[in-house]
Amino acid sequence: MSKPERKRPGVATVRPQLEVKREEIFTGTTQEFAGKETTPPVEKVTTKKPVTFSADVELIDRARAAVLMSQTHQSGYRSLASLISAAIEEKLAGLADEFNNGERIEPLSGAFRSGRPFQS
């Protein structure tokens, strides 16, 4: 028994070049920014840490839908992480007003207590 022939007769062995087709992407803004001076972004030094938590499935699905709906708006959120970060900042401001005389809540320097909640 002979090996099957790998090349088909009449077919070129050279692969065709791929063509790049550039498409404009609609970002939802109508303003033209070309040629305008912009202020350089302020570099905010932050250290990011991945966080895992459990949440209601419907709540997370609603949050994802909100991110998708807001992405086309200038003040919208680009990711679920940015929405969650903004929500935490907003909630921290309210907690600072209520429990810390309106002063910024300082970061926790030690480890967070694990286990059962207080008074349970």
Protein backbone atom coordinates (compact mmCIF):
# COMPACT_ATOMS: atom_id res chain seq x y z
CA MET A 1 0.00 0.00 0.00
CA SER A 2 1.42 3.37 -0.97
CA LYS A 3 1.24 6.60 0.99
CA PRO A 4 -1.51 9.01 -0.05
CA GLU A 5 -0.44 11.90 -2.20
CA ARG A 6 -0.34 15.12 -0.19
CA LYS A 7 -0.30 17.56 -3.10
CA ARG A 8 -3.31 17.91 -5.28
CA PRO A 9 -2.56 18.34 -8.96
CA GLY A 10 -3.18 21.85 -10.29
CA VAL A 11 -3.17 23.51 -6.84
CA ALA A 12 -0.50 26.08 -6.07
CA THR A 13 1.62 25.35 -3.03
CA VAL A 14 2.15 29.04 -2.25
CA ARG A 15 -0.37 30.42 0.22
CA PRO A 16 -2.09 33.66 -0.74
CA GLN A 17 -1.14 36.83 1.15
CA LEU A 18 -3.61 37.99 3.77
CA GLU A 19 -5.07 41.45 3.26
CA VAL A 20 -5.65 43.91 6.06
CA LYS A 21 -9.05 45.57 5.96
CA ARG A 22 -9.20 48.47 8.38
CA GLU A 23 -12.60 49.45 9.70
CA GLU A 24 -13.56 52.50 11.68
CA ILE A 25 -14.81 51.77 15.16
CA PHE A 26 -17.75 53.75 16.52
CA THR A 27 -16.96 54.74 20.10
CA GLY A 28 -20.13 56.67 20.78
CA THR A 29 -18.48 60.08 20.80
CA THR A 30 -19.01 62.72 18.17
CA GLN A 31 -16.25 65.08 19.26
CA GLU A 32 -13.13 65.46 17.18
CA PHE A 33 -9.97 65.32 19.26
CA ALA A 34 -7.37 65.56 16.49
CA GLY A 35 -5.17 68.62 16.79
CA LYS A 36 -6.51 69.68 20.19
CA GLU A 37 -4.15 69.99 23.10
CA THR A 38 -4.97 67.73 25.97
CA THR A 39 -3.63 67.83 29.46
CA PRO A 40 -1.33 64.94 30.24
CA PRO A 41 -2.97 62.33 32.44
CA VAL A 42 -2.10 62.51 36.09
CA GLU A 43 -0.19 59.41 36.96
CA LYS A 44 -1.89 57.79 39.92
CA VAL A 45 0.35 55.31 41.67
CA THR A 46 -1.76 52.36 42.74
CA THR A 47 -1.06 48.78 43.46
CA LYS A 48 -3.71 46.41 42.18
CA LYS A 49 -4.53 43.11 43.79
CA PRO A 50 -6.88 40.46 42.39
CA VAL A 51 -9.91 39.97 44.61
CA THR A 52 -12.31 37.05 44.66
CA PHE A 53 -15.71 37.23 46.29
CA SER A 54 -19.09 35.55 46.04
CA ALA A 55 -22.13 37.51 44.91
CA ASP A 56 -25.64 36.80 43.74
CA VAL A 57 -25.61 35.59 40.12
CA GLU A 58 -28.42 37.97 39.10
CA LEU A 59 -26.55 40.93 40.63
CA ILE A 60 -23.38 40.12 38.68
CA ASP A 61 -25.36 39.58 35.46
CA ARG A 62 -27.07 42.96 35.94
CA ALA A 63 -23.68 44.58 36.54
CA ARG A 64 -22.30 43.05 33.33
CA ALA A 65 -25.34 44.31 31.41
CA ALA A 66 -24.81 47.79 32.87
CA VAL A 67 -21.18 47.77 31.71
CA LEU A 68 -22.22 46.79 28.19
CA MET A 69 -24.91 49.48 28.10
CA SER A 70 -22.58 52.20 29.37
CA GLN A 71 -19.51 51.40 27.23
CA THR A 72 -20.63 53.60 24.34
CA HIS A 73 -21.07 56.65 26.57
CA GLN A 74 -18.21 58.95 27.46
CA SER A 75 -18.88 58.60 31.19
CA GLY A 76 -19.51 54.85 30.92
CA TYR A 77 -17.54 51.96 32.31
CA ARG A 78 -15.11 49.98 30.17
CA SER A 79 -14.99 46.88 32.36
CA LEU A 80 -16.76 45.12 35.21
CA ALA A 81 -13.74 45.86 37.42
CA SER A 82 -14.05 49.61 36.81
CA LEU A 83 -17.77 49.52 37.69
CA ILE A 84 -17.07 47.58 40.90
CA SER A 85 -14.22 49.95 41.86
CA ALA A 86 -16.44 53.00 41.33
CA ALA A 87 -19.23 51.42 43.37
CA ILE A 88 -16.82 50.65 46.22
CA GLU A 89 -15.48 54.24 46.16
CA GLU A 90 -19.03 55.61 46.30
CA LYS A 91 -20.00 53.31 49.17
CA LEU A 92 -16.80 54.15 51.08
CA ALA A 93 -17.61 57.86 50.82
CA GLY A 94 -21.03 57.19 52.36
CA LEU A 95 -19.56 55.04 55.13
CA ALA A 96 -16.96 57.72 55.88
CA ASP A 97 -19.74 60.30 56.29
CA GLU A 98 -21.76 57.99 58.50
CA PHE A 99 -19.10 56.36 60.68
CA ASN A 100 -15.89 58.41 60.35
CA ASN A 101 -17.08 62.04 60.64
CA GLY A 102 -16.71 62.51 56.89
CA GLU A 103 -12.97 61.80 56.97
CA ARG A 104 -11.41 59.38 54.53
CA ILE A 105 -11.30 55.78 55.76
CA GLU A 106 -7.66 54.76 55.89
CA PRO A 107 -6.56 51.41 54.41
CA LEU A 108 -6.33 48.42 56.72
CA SER A 109 -2.68 47.73 57.49
CA GLY A 110 -3.02 44.22 58.86
CA ALA A 111 -4.89 41.10 57.85
CA PHE A 112 -8.68 41.04 57.76
CA ARG A 113 -10.33 38.81 60.35
CA SER A 114 -11.60 35.61 58.78
CA GLY A 115 -14.26 33.27 60.05
CA ARG A 116 -17.68 34.00 61.49
CA PRO A 117 -18.88 37.61 61.55
CA PHE A 118 -18.93 39.56 64.81
CA GLN A 119 -22.03 39.09 67.03
CA SER A 120 -23.07 35.87 65.34
